[in-house]
Amino acid sequence: MAARQITVYTTTPCPYCVQVKRLLDSKGLQYEEINLARDPEGRSELVKLTGMMTFPQVIVAGQLVGGFTETQAAAQSGRLDELLSA
């Protein structure tokens, strides 16, 4: 089972960004954090990529999981594990 890349797009201040990173940390998952707080062009590119303007945004193996609430639900349902082991 190969580990898949997790990318977390964040901004500051953002309590949900902190929560999603805590969730991933609690599962022992490594991820790349990309903070777009001072990157308007990066934000525009992210909106084009995902269609979402909110933070955080979690992408696993190129697939958008969503924000904190969606990532938490994916972790509880087992979907996150499925994406990581696919």
PDB file of N, CA and C in Angstrom:
ATOM      1  N   MET A   1       0.853  -1.171   0.000  1.00  0.00           N
ATOM      2  CA  MET A   1       0.000   0.000   0.000  1.00  0.00           C
ATOM      3  C   MET A   1       0.899   1.234   0.000  1.00  0.00           C
ATOM      4  N   ALA A   2       0.906   1.960  -1.087  1.00  0.00           N
ATOM      5  CA  ALA A   2       1.740   3.140  -1.218  1.00  0.00           C
ATOM      6  C   ALA A   2       1.008   4.347  -0.648  1.00  0.00           C
ATOM      7  N   ALA A   3       1.741   5.153   0.088  1.00  0.00           N
ATOM      8  CA  ALA A   3       1.152   6.363   0.646  1.00  0.00           C
ATOM      9  C   ALA A   3       0.902   7.358  -0.479  1.00  0.00           C
ATOM     10  N   ARG A   4      -0.208   8.026  -0.414  1.00  0.00           N
ATOM     11  CA  ARG A   4      -0.559   9.035  -1.415  1.00  0.00           C
ATOM     12  C   ARG A   4      -0.302  10.417  -0.848  1.00  0.00           C
ATOM     13  N   GLN A   5      -0.024  11.339  -1.703  1.00  0.00           N
ATOM     14  CA  GLN A   5       0.274  12.693  -1.281  1.00  0.00           C
ATOM     15  C   GLN A   5      -0.981  13.401  -0.790  1.00  0.00           C
ATOM     16  N   ILE A   6      -0.833  14.111   0.324  1.00  0.00           N
ATOM     17  CA  ILE A   6      -1.897  14.940   0.872  1.00  0.00           C
ATOM     18  C   ILE A   6      -1.404  16.379   0.823  1.00  0.00           C
ATOM     19  N   THR A   7      -2.215  17.244   0.240  1.00  0.00           N
ATOM     20  CA  THR A   7      -1.896  18.667   0.205  1.00  0.00           C
ATOM     21  C   THR A   7      -3.004  19.409   0.940  1.00  0.00           C
ATOM     22  N   VAL A   8      -2.601  20.288   1.854  1.00  0.00           N
ATOM     23  CA  VAL A   8      -3.550  21.089   2.618  1.00  0.00           C
ATOM     24  C   VAL A   8      -3.292  22.557   2.285  1.00  0.00           C
ATOM     25  N   TYR A   9      -4.271  23.187   1.664  1.00  0.00           N
ATOM     26  CA  TYR A   9      -4.184  24.615   1.355  1.00  0.00           C
ATOM     27  C   TYR A   9      -4.789  25.380   2.519  1.00  0.00           C
ATOM     28  N   THR A  10      -4.028  26.326   3.055  1.00  0.00           N
ATOM     29  CA  THR A  10      -4.456  27.061   4.237  1.00  0.00           C
ATOM     30  C   THR A  10      -4.291  28.555   4.021  1.00  0.00           C
ATOM     31  N   THR A  11      -4.785  29.310   5.001  1.00  0.00           N
ATOM     32  CA  THR A  11      -4.559  30.743   5.090  1.00  0.00           C
ATOM     33  C   THR A  11      -4.476  31.077   6.577  1.00  0.00           C
ATOM     34  N   THR A  12      -4.142  32.295   6.909  1.00  0.00           N
ATOM     35  CA  THR A  12      -4.074  32.685   8.318  1.00  0.00           C
ATOM     36  C   THR A  12      -4.808  33.996   8.503  1.00  0.00           C
ATOM     37  N   PRO A  13      -5.494  34.234   9.612  1.00  0.00           N
ATOM     38  CA  PRO A  13      -5.814  33.241  10.626  1.00  0.00           C
ATOM     39  C   PRO A  13      -6.960  32.352  10.145  1.00  0.00           C
ATOM     40  N   CYS A  14      -6.952  31.109  10.567  1.00  0.00           N
ATOM     41  CA  CYS A  14      -7.963  30.163  10.090  1.00  0.00           C
ATOM     42  C   CYS A  14      -8.090  29.016  11.087  1.00  0.00           C
ATOM     43  N   PRO A  15      -9.079  29.082  11.993  1.00  0.00           N
ATOM     44  CA  PRO A  15      -9.222  28.020  12.986  1.00  0.00           C
ATOM     45  C   PRO A  15      -9.513  26.649  12.368  1.00  0.00           C
ATOM     46  N   TYR A  16     -10.227  26.611  11.245  1.00  0.00           N
ATOM     47  CA  TYR A  16     -10.503  25.321  10.607  1.00  0.00           C
ATOM     48  C   TYR A  16      -9.238  24.721  10.002  1.00  0.00           C
ATOM     49  N   CYS A  17      -8.318  25.582   9.566  1.00  0.00           N
ATOM     50  CA  CYS A  17      -7.030  25.092   9.047  1.00  0.00           C
ATOM     51  C   CYS A  17      -6.256  24.401  10.162  1.00  0.00           C
ATOM     52  N   VAL A  18      -6.259  25.016  11.342  1.00  0.00           N
ATOM     53  CA  VAL A  18      -5.583  24.420  12.496  1.00  0.00           C
ATOM     54  C   VAL A  18      -6.228  23.076  12.825  1.00  0.00           C
ATOM     55  N   GLN A  19      -7.552  23.022  12.803  1.00  0.00           N
ATOM     56  CA  GLN A  19      -8.257  21.783  13.149  1.00  0.00           C
ATOM     57  C   GLN A  19      -7.976  20.666  12.153  1.00  0.00           C
ATOM     58  N   VAL A  20      -7.940  20.978  10.864  1.00  0.00           N
ATOM     59  CA  VAL A  20      -7.717  19.921   9.878  1.00  0.00           C
ATOM     60  C   VAL A  20      -6.288  19.388  10.002  1.00  0.00           C
ATOM     61  N   LYS A  21      -5.324  20.271  10.306  1.00  0.00           N
ATOM     62  CA  LYS A  21      -3.944  19.807  10.488  1.00  0.00           C
ATOM     63  C   LYS A  21      -3.834  18.928  11.735  1.00  0.00           C
ATOM     64  N   ARG A  22      -4.555  19.297  12.802  1.00  0.00           N
ATOM     65  CA  ARG A  22      -4.580  18.454  14.015  1.00  0.00           C
ATOM     66  C   ARG A  22      -5.164  17.078  13.707  1.00  0.00           C
ATOM     67  N   LEU A  23      -6.232  17.055  12.921  1.00  0.00           N
ATOM     68  CA  LEU A  23      -6.867  15.785  12.545  1.00  0.00           C
ATOM     69  C   LEU A  23      -5.882  14.895  11.794  1.00  0.00           C
ATOM     70  N   LEU A  24      -5.212  15.451  10.798  1.00  0.00           N
ATOM     71  CA  LEU A  24      -4.250  14.668  10.014  1.00  0.00           C
ATOM     72  C   LEU A  24      -3.080  14.234  10.881  1.00  0.00           C
ATOM     73  N   ASP A  25      -2.610  15.134  11.756  1.00  0.00           N
ATOM     74  CA  ASP A  25      -1.519  14.787  12.669  1.00  0.00           C
ATOM     75  C   ASP A  25      -1.928  13.650  13.606  1.00  0.00           C
ATOM     76  N   SER A  26      -3.168  13.690  14.090  1.00  0.00           N
ATOM     77  CA  SER A  26      -3.637  12.656  15.030  1.00  0.00           C
ATOM     78  C   SER A  26      -3.695  11.280  14.373  1.00  0.00           C
ATOM     79  N   LYS A  27      -3.837  11.255  13.045  1.00  0.00           N
ATOM     80  CA  LYS A  27      -3.846   9.990  12.309  1.00  0.00           C
ATOM     81  C   LYS A  27      -2.443   9.604  11.847  1.00  0.00           C
ATOM     82  N   GLY A  28      -1.446  10.442  12.186  1.00  0.00           N
ATOM     83  CA  GLY A  28      -0.069  10.154  11.811  1.00  0.00           C
ATOM     84  C   GLY A  28       0.204  10.328  10.324  1.00  0.00           C
ATOM     85  N   LEU A  29      -0.585  11.181   9.666  1.00  0.00           N
ATOM     86  CA  LEU A  29      -0.444  11.366   8.222  1.00  0.00           C
ATOM     87  C   LEU A  29       0.455  12.554   7.918  1.00  0.00           C
ATOM     88  N   GLN A  30       1.326  12.374   6.957  1.00  0.00           N
ATOM     89  CA  GLN A  30       2.176  13.473   6.511  1.00  0.00           C
ATOM     90  C   GLN A  30       1.465  14.214   5.394  1.00  0.00           C
ATOM     91  N   TYR A  31       1.672  15.516   5.338  1.00  0.00           N
ATOM     92  CA  TYR A  31       1.015  16.323   4.328  1.00  0.00           C
ATOM     93  C   TYR A  31       1.889  17.524   4.006  1.00  0.00           C
ATOM     94  N   GLU A  32       1.627  18.090   2.841  1.00  0.00           N
ATOM     95  CA  GLU A  32       2.277  19.333   2.457  1.00  0.00           C
ATOM     96  C   GLU A  32       1.281  20.451   2.702  1.00  0.00           C
ATOM     97  N   GLU A  33       1.710  21.464   3.445  1.00  0.00           N
ATOM     98  CA  GLU A  33       0.850  22.622   3.689  1.00  0.00           C
ATOM     99  C   GLU A  33       1.282  23.747   2.759  1.00  0.00           C
ATOM    100  N   ILE A  34       0.303  24.322   2.067  1.00  0.00           N
ATOM    101  CA  ILE A  34       0.560  25.473   1.216  1.00  0.00           C
ATOM    102  C   ILE A  34      -0.298  26.619   1.733  1.00  0.00           C
ATOM    103  N   ASN A  35       0.375  27.608   2.342  1.00  0.00           N
ATOM    104  CA  ASN A  35      -0.333  28.745   2.922  1.00  0.00           C
ATOM    105  C   ASN A  35      -0.460  29.835   1.855  1.00  0.00           C
ATOM    106  N   LEU A  36      -1.704  30.167   1.524  1.00  0.00           N
ATOM    107  CA  LEU A  36      -1.973  31.149   0.470  1.00  0.00           C
ATOM    108  C   LEU A  36      -2.390  32.508   1.035  1.00  0.00           C
ATOM    109  N   ALA A  37      -2.049  32.778   2.295  1.00  0.00           N
ATOM    110  CA  ALA A  37      -2.456  34.031   2.939  1.00  0.00           C
ATOM    111  C   ALA A  37      -1.970  35.253   2.177  1.00  0.00           C
ATOM    112  N   ARG A  38      -0.776  35.188   1.639  1.00  0.00           N
ATOM    113  CA  ARG A  38      -0.217  36.351   0.935  1.00  0.00           C
ATOM    114  C   ARG A  38       0.026  36.038  -0.541  1.00  0.00           C
ATOM    115  N   ASP A  39      -0.838  35.211  -1.104  1.00  0.00           N
ATOM    116  CA  ASP A  39      -0.641  34.785  -2.490  1.00  0.00           C
ATOM    117  C   ASP A  39      -1.960  34.841  -3.258  1.00  0.00           C
ATOM    118  N   PRO A  40      -2.378  36.050  -3.684  1.00  0.00           N
ATOM    119  CA  PRO A  40      -3.657  36.163  -4.401  1.00  0.00           C
ATOM    120  C   PRO A  40      -3.684  35.359  -5.692  1.00  0.00           C
ATOM    121  N   GLU A  41      -2.558  35.270  -6.392  1.00  0.00           N
ATOM    122  CA  GLU A  41      -2.519  34.469  -7.617  1.00  0.00           C
ATOM    123  C   GLU A  41      -2.718  32.987  -7.298  1.00  0.00           C
ATOM    124  N   GLY A  42      -2.100  32.532  -6.205  1.00  0.00           N
ATOM    125  CA  GLY A  42      -2.268  31.144  -5.781  1.00  0.00           C
ATOM    126  C   GLY A  42      -3.713  30.843  -5.423  1.00  0.00           C
ATOM    127  N   ARG A  43      -4.372  31.796  -4.771  1.00  0.00           N
ATOM    128  CA  ARG A  43      -5.794  31.633  -4.431  1.00  0.00           C
ATOM    129  C   ARG A  43      -6.632  31.499  -5.689  1.00  0.00           C
ATOM    130  N   SER A  44      -6.338  32.334  -6.685  1.00  0.00           N
ATOM    131  CA  SER A  44      -7.076  32.275  -7.949  1.00  0.00           C
ATOM    132  C   SER A  44      -6.886  30.928  -8.632  1.00  0.00           C
ATOM    133  N   GLU A  45      -5.663  30.433  -8.627  1.00  0.00           N
ATOM    134  CA  GLU A  45      -5.384  29.126  -9.232  1.00  0.00           C
ATOM    135  C   GLU A  45      -6.118  28.021  -8.489  1.00  0.00           C
ATOM    136  N   LEU A  46      -6.163  28.122  -7.158  1.00  0.00           N
ATOM    137  CA  LEU A  46      -6.845  27.099  -6.362  1.00  0.00           C
ATOM    138  C   LEU A  46      -8.343  27.089  -6.664  1.00  0.00           C
ATOM    139  N   VAL A  47      -8.940  28.266  -6.817  1.00  0.00           N
ATOM    140  CA  VAL A  47     -10.371  28.344  -7.158  1.00  0.00           C
ATOM    141  C   VAL A  47     -10.612  27.688  -8.514  1.00  0.00           C
ATOM    142  N   LYS A  48      -9.713  27.928  -9.470  1.00  0.00           N
ATOM    143  CA  LYS A  48      -9.843  27.289 -10.790  1.00  0.00           C
ATOM    144  C   LYS A  48      -9.744  25.776 -10.668  1.00  0.00           C
ATOM    145  N   LEU A  49      -8.864  25.311  -9.789  1.00  0.00           N
ATOM    146  CA  LEU A  49      -8.637  23.874  -9.613  1.00  0.00           C
ATOM    147  C   LEU A  49      -9.803  23.177  -8.915  1.00  0.00           C
ATOM    148  N   THR A  50     -10.322  23.809  -7.850  1.00  0.00           N
ATOM    149  CA  THR A  50     -11.309  23.122  -7.007  1.00  0.00           C
ATOM    150  C   THR A  50     -12.712  23.705  -7.073  1.00  0.00           C
ATOM    151  N   GLY A  51     -12.828  24.954  -7.527  1.00  0.00           N
ATOM    152  CA  GLY A  51     -14.132  25.604  -7.525  1.00  0.00           C
ATOM    153  C   GLY A  51     -14.526  26.129  -6.156  1.00  0.00           C
ATOM    154  N   MET A  52     -13.650  25.983  -5.168  1.00  0.00           N
ATOM    155  CA  MET A  52     -13.943  26.433  -3.802  1.00  0.00           C
ATOM    156  C   MET A  52     -13.105  27.659  -3.466  1.00  0.00           C
ATOM    157  N   MET A  53     -13.696  28.577  -2.683  1.00  0.00           N
ATOM    158  CA  MET A  53     -12.981  29.780  -2.267  1.00  0.00           C
ATOM    159  C   MET A  53     -12.669  29.763  -0.775  1.00  0.00           C
ATOM    160  N   THR A  54     -13.059  28.716  -0.075  1.00  0.00           N
ATOM    161  CA  THR A  54     -12.890  28.666   1.375  1.00  0.00           C
ATOM    162  C   THR A  54     -11.634  27.876   1.747  1.00  0.00           C
ATOM    163  N   PHE A  55     -11.230  28.029   3.010  1.00  0.00           N
ATOM    164  CA  PHE A  55     -10.072  27.311   3.540  1.00  0.00           C
ATOM    165  C   PHE A  55     -10.462  26.590   4.813  1.00  0.00           C
ATOM    166  N   PRO A  56      -9.807  25.484   5.099  1.00  0.00           N
ATOM    167  CA  PRO A  56      -8.772  24.817   4.318  1.00  0.00           C
ATOM    168  C   PRO A  56      -9.382  24.046   3.151  1.00  0.00           C
ATOM    169  N   GLN A  57      -8.502  23.613   2.267  1.00  0.00           N
ATOM    170  CA  GLN A  57      -8.884  22.682   1.210  1.00  0.00           C
ATOM    171  C   GLN A  57      -7.889  21.533   1.260  1.00  0.00           C
ATOM    172  N   VAL A  58      -8.421  20.323   1.353  1.00  0.00           N
ATOM    173  CA  VAL A  58      -7.586  19.135   1.459  1.00  0.00           C
ATOM    174  C   VAL A  58      -7.715  18.326   0.173  1.00  0.00           C
ATOM    175  N   ILE A  59      -6.575  18.025  -0.420  1.00  0.00           N
ATOM    176  CA  ILE A  59      -6.531  17.236  -1.647  1.00  0.00           C
ATOM    177  C   ILE A  59      -5.693  16.002  -1.374  1.00  0.00           C
ATOM    178  N   VAL A  60      -6.252  14.830  -1.665  1.00  0.00           N
ATOM    179  CA  VAL A  60      -5.559  13.565  -1.467  1.00  0.00           C
ATOM    180  C   VAL A  60      -5.424  12.892  -2.825  1.00  0.00           C
ATOM    181  N   ALA A  61      -4.183  12.630  -3.214  1.00  0.00           N
ATOM    182  CA  ALA A  61      -3.892  11.960  -4.490  1.00  0.00           C
ATOM    183  C   ALA A  61      -4.595  12.660  -5.654  1.00  0.00           C
ATOM    184  N   GLY A  62      -4.601  13.991  -5.619  1.00  0.00           N
ATOM    185  CA  GLY A  62      -5.194  14.756  -6.694  1.00  0.00           C
ATOM    186  C   GLY A  62      -6.705  14.896  -6.630  1.00  0.00           C
ATOM    187  N   GLN A  63      -7.331  14.317  -5.613  1.00  0.00           N
ATOM    188  CA  GLN A  63      -8.791  14.366  -5.483  1.00  0.00           C
ATOM    189  C   GLN A  63      -9.173  15.272  -4.314  1.00  0.00           C
ATOM    190  N   LEU A  64     -10.057  16.235  -4.574  1.00  0.00           N
ATOM    191  CA  LEU A  64     -10.511  17.146  -3.529  1.00  0.00           C
ATOM    192  C   LEU A  64     -11.366  16.397  -2.514  1.00  0.00           C
ATOM    193  N   VAL A  65     -10.951  16.461  -1.250  1.00  0.00           N
ATOM    194  CA  VAL A  65     -11.760  15.905  -0.166  1.00  0.00           C
ATOM    195  C   VAL A  65     -12.696  16.991   0.351  1.00  0.00           C
ATOM    196  N   GLY A  66     -12.176  18.205   0.492  1.00  0.00           N
ATOM    197  CA  GLY A  66     -12.979  19.333   0.940  1.00  0.00           C
ATOM    198  C   GLY A  66     -12.290  20.075   2.058  1.00  0.00           C
ATOM    199  N   GLY A  67     -13.088  20.740   2.890  1.00  0.00           N
ATOM    200  CA  GLY A  67     -12.569  21.483   4.028  1.00  0.00           C
ATOM    201  C   GLY A  67     -12.491  20.613   5.262  1.00  0.00           C
ATOM    202  N   PHE A  68     -12.463  21.255   6.432  1.00  0.00           N
ATOM    203  CA  PHE A  68     -12.330  20.503   7.680  1.00  0.00           C
ATOM    204  C   PHE A  68     -13.484  19.536   7.891  1.00  0.00           C
ATOM    205  N   THR A  69     -14.719  20.022   7.735  1.00  0.00           N
ATOM    206  CA  THR A  69     -15.892  19.184   8.002  1.00  0.00           C
ATOM    207  C   THR A  69     -15.903  17.955   7.096  1.00  0.00           C
ATOM    208  N   GLU A  70     -15.602  18.149   5.819  1.00  0.00           N
ATOM    209  CA  GLU A  70     -15.597  17.033   4.868  1.00  0.00           C
ATOM    210  C   GLU A  70     -14.439  16.065   5.153  1.00  0.00           C
ATOM    211  N   THR A  71     -13.300  16.612   5.545  1.00  0.00           N
ATOM    212  CA  THR A  71     -12.148  15.762   5.857  1.00  0.00           C
ATOM    213  C   THR A  71     -12.417  14.953   7.121  1.00  0.00           C
ATOM    214  N   GLN A  72     -13.032  15.585   8.108  1.00  0.00           N
ATOM    215  CA  GLN A  72     -13.392  14.882   9.336  1.00  0.00           C
ATOM    216  C   GLN A  72     -14.383  13.751   9.037  1.00  0.00           C
ATOM    217  N   ALA A  73     -15.388  14.031   8.212  1.00  0.00           N
ATOM    218  CA  ALA A  73     -16.368  13.005   7.834  1.00  0.00           C
ATOM    219  C   ALA A  73     -15.695  11.872   7.064  1.00  0.00           C
ATOM    220  N   ALA A  74     -14.754  12.216   6.170  1.00  0.00           N
ATOM    221  CA  ALA A  74     -14.034  11.197   5.398  1.00  0.00           C
ATOM    222  C   ALA A  74     -13.187  10.330   6.312  1.00  0.00           C
ATOM    223  N   ALA A  75     -12.603  10.926   7.340  1.00  0.00           N
ATOM    224  CA  ALA A  75     -11.793  10.154   8.296  1.00  0.00           C
ATOM    225  C   ALA A  75     -12.685   9.207   9.095  1.00  0.00           C
ATOM    226  N   GLN A  76     -13.865   9.680   9.504  1.00  0.00           N
ATOM    227  CA  GLN A  76     -14.779   8.863  10.308  1.00  0.00           C
ATOM    228  C   GLN A  76     -15.417   7.740   9.497  1.00  0.00           C
ATOM    229  N   SER A  77     -15.678   7.994   8.226  1.00  0.00           N
ATOM    230  CA  SER A  77     -16.353   6.989   7.384  1.00  0.00           C
ATOM    231  C   SER A  77     -15.402   5.960   6.788  1.00  0.00           C
ATOM    232  N   GLY A  78     -14.098   6.255   6.831  1.00  0.00           N
ATOM    233  CA  GLY A  78     -13.128   5.357   6.217  1.00  0.00           C
ATOM    234  C   GLY A  78     -12.748   5.769   4.801  1.00  0.00           C
ATOM    235  N   ARG A  79     -13.415   6.784   4.266  1.00  0.00           N
ATOM    236  CA  ARG A  79     -13.114   7.238   2.902  1.00  0.00           C
ATOM    237  C   ARG A  79     -11.687   7.761   2.782  1.00  0.00           C
ATOM    238  N   LEU A  80     -11.222   8.450   3.806  1.00  0.00           N
ATOM    239  CA  LEU A  80      -9.852   8.983   3.774  1.00  0.00           C
ATOM    240  C   LEU A  80      -8.848   7.844   3.652  1.00  0.00           C
ATOM    241  N   ASP A  81      -9.043   6.793   4.429  1.00  0.00           N
ATOM    242  CA  ASP A  81      -8.154   5.626   4.344  1.00  0.00           C
ATOM    243  C   ASP A  81      -8.222   4.990   2.951  1.00  0.00           C
ATOM    244  N   GLU A  82      -9.431   4.936   2.383  1.00  0.00           N
ATOM    245  CA  GLU A  82      -9.587   4.377   1.035  1.00  0.00           C
ATOM    246  C   GLU A  82      -8.811   5.185   0.011  1.00  0.00           C
ATOM    247  N   LEU A  83      -8.902   6.504   0.090  1.00  0.00           N
ATOM    248  CA  LEU A  83      -8.175   7.356  -0.854  1.00  0.00           C
ATOM    249  C   LEU A  83      -6.666   7.182  -0.696  1.00  0.00           C
ATOM    250  N   LEU A  84      -6.210   7.013   0.534  1.00  0.00           N
ATOM    251  CA  LEU A  84      -4.789   6.871   0.792  1.00  0.00           C
ATOM    252  C   LEU A  84      -4.242   5.522   0.342  1.00  0.00           C
ATOM    253  N   SER A  85      -5.099   4.519   0.294  1.00  0.00           N
ATOM    254  CA  SER A  85      -4.601   3.175  -0.068  1.00  0.00           C
ATOM    255  C   SER A  85      -4.953   2.765  -1.494  1.00  0.00           C
ATOM    256  N   ALA A  86      -5.691   3.617  -2.196  1.00  0.00           N
ATOM    257  CA  ALA A  86      -6.116   3.280  -3.560  1.00  0.00           C
ATOM    258  C   ALA A  86      -4.936   3.200  -4.519  1.00  0.00           C
TER     259      ALA A  86
END
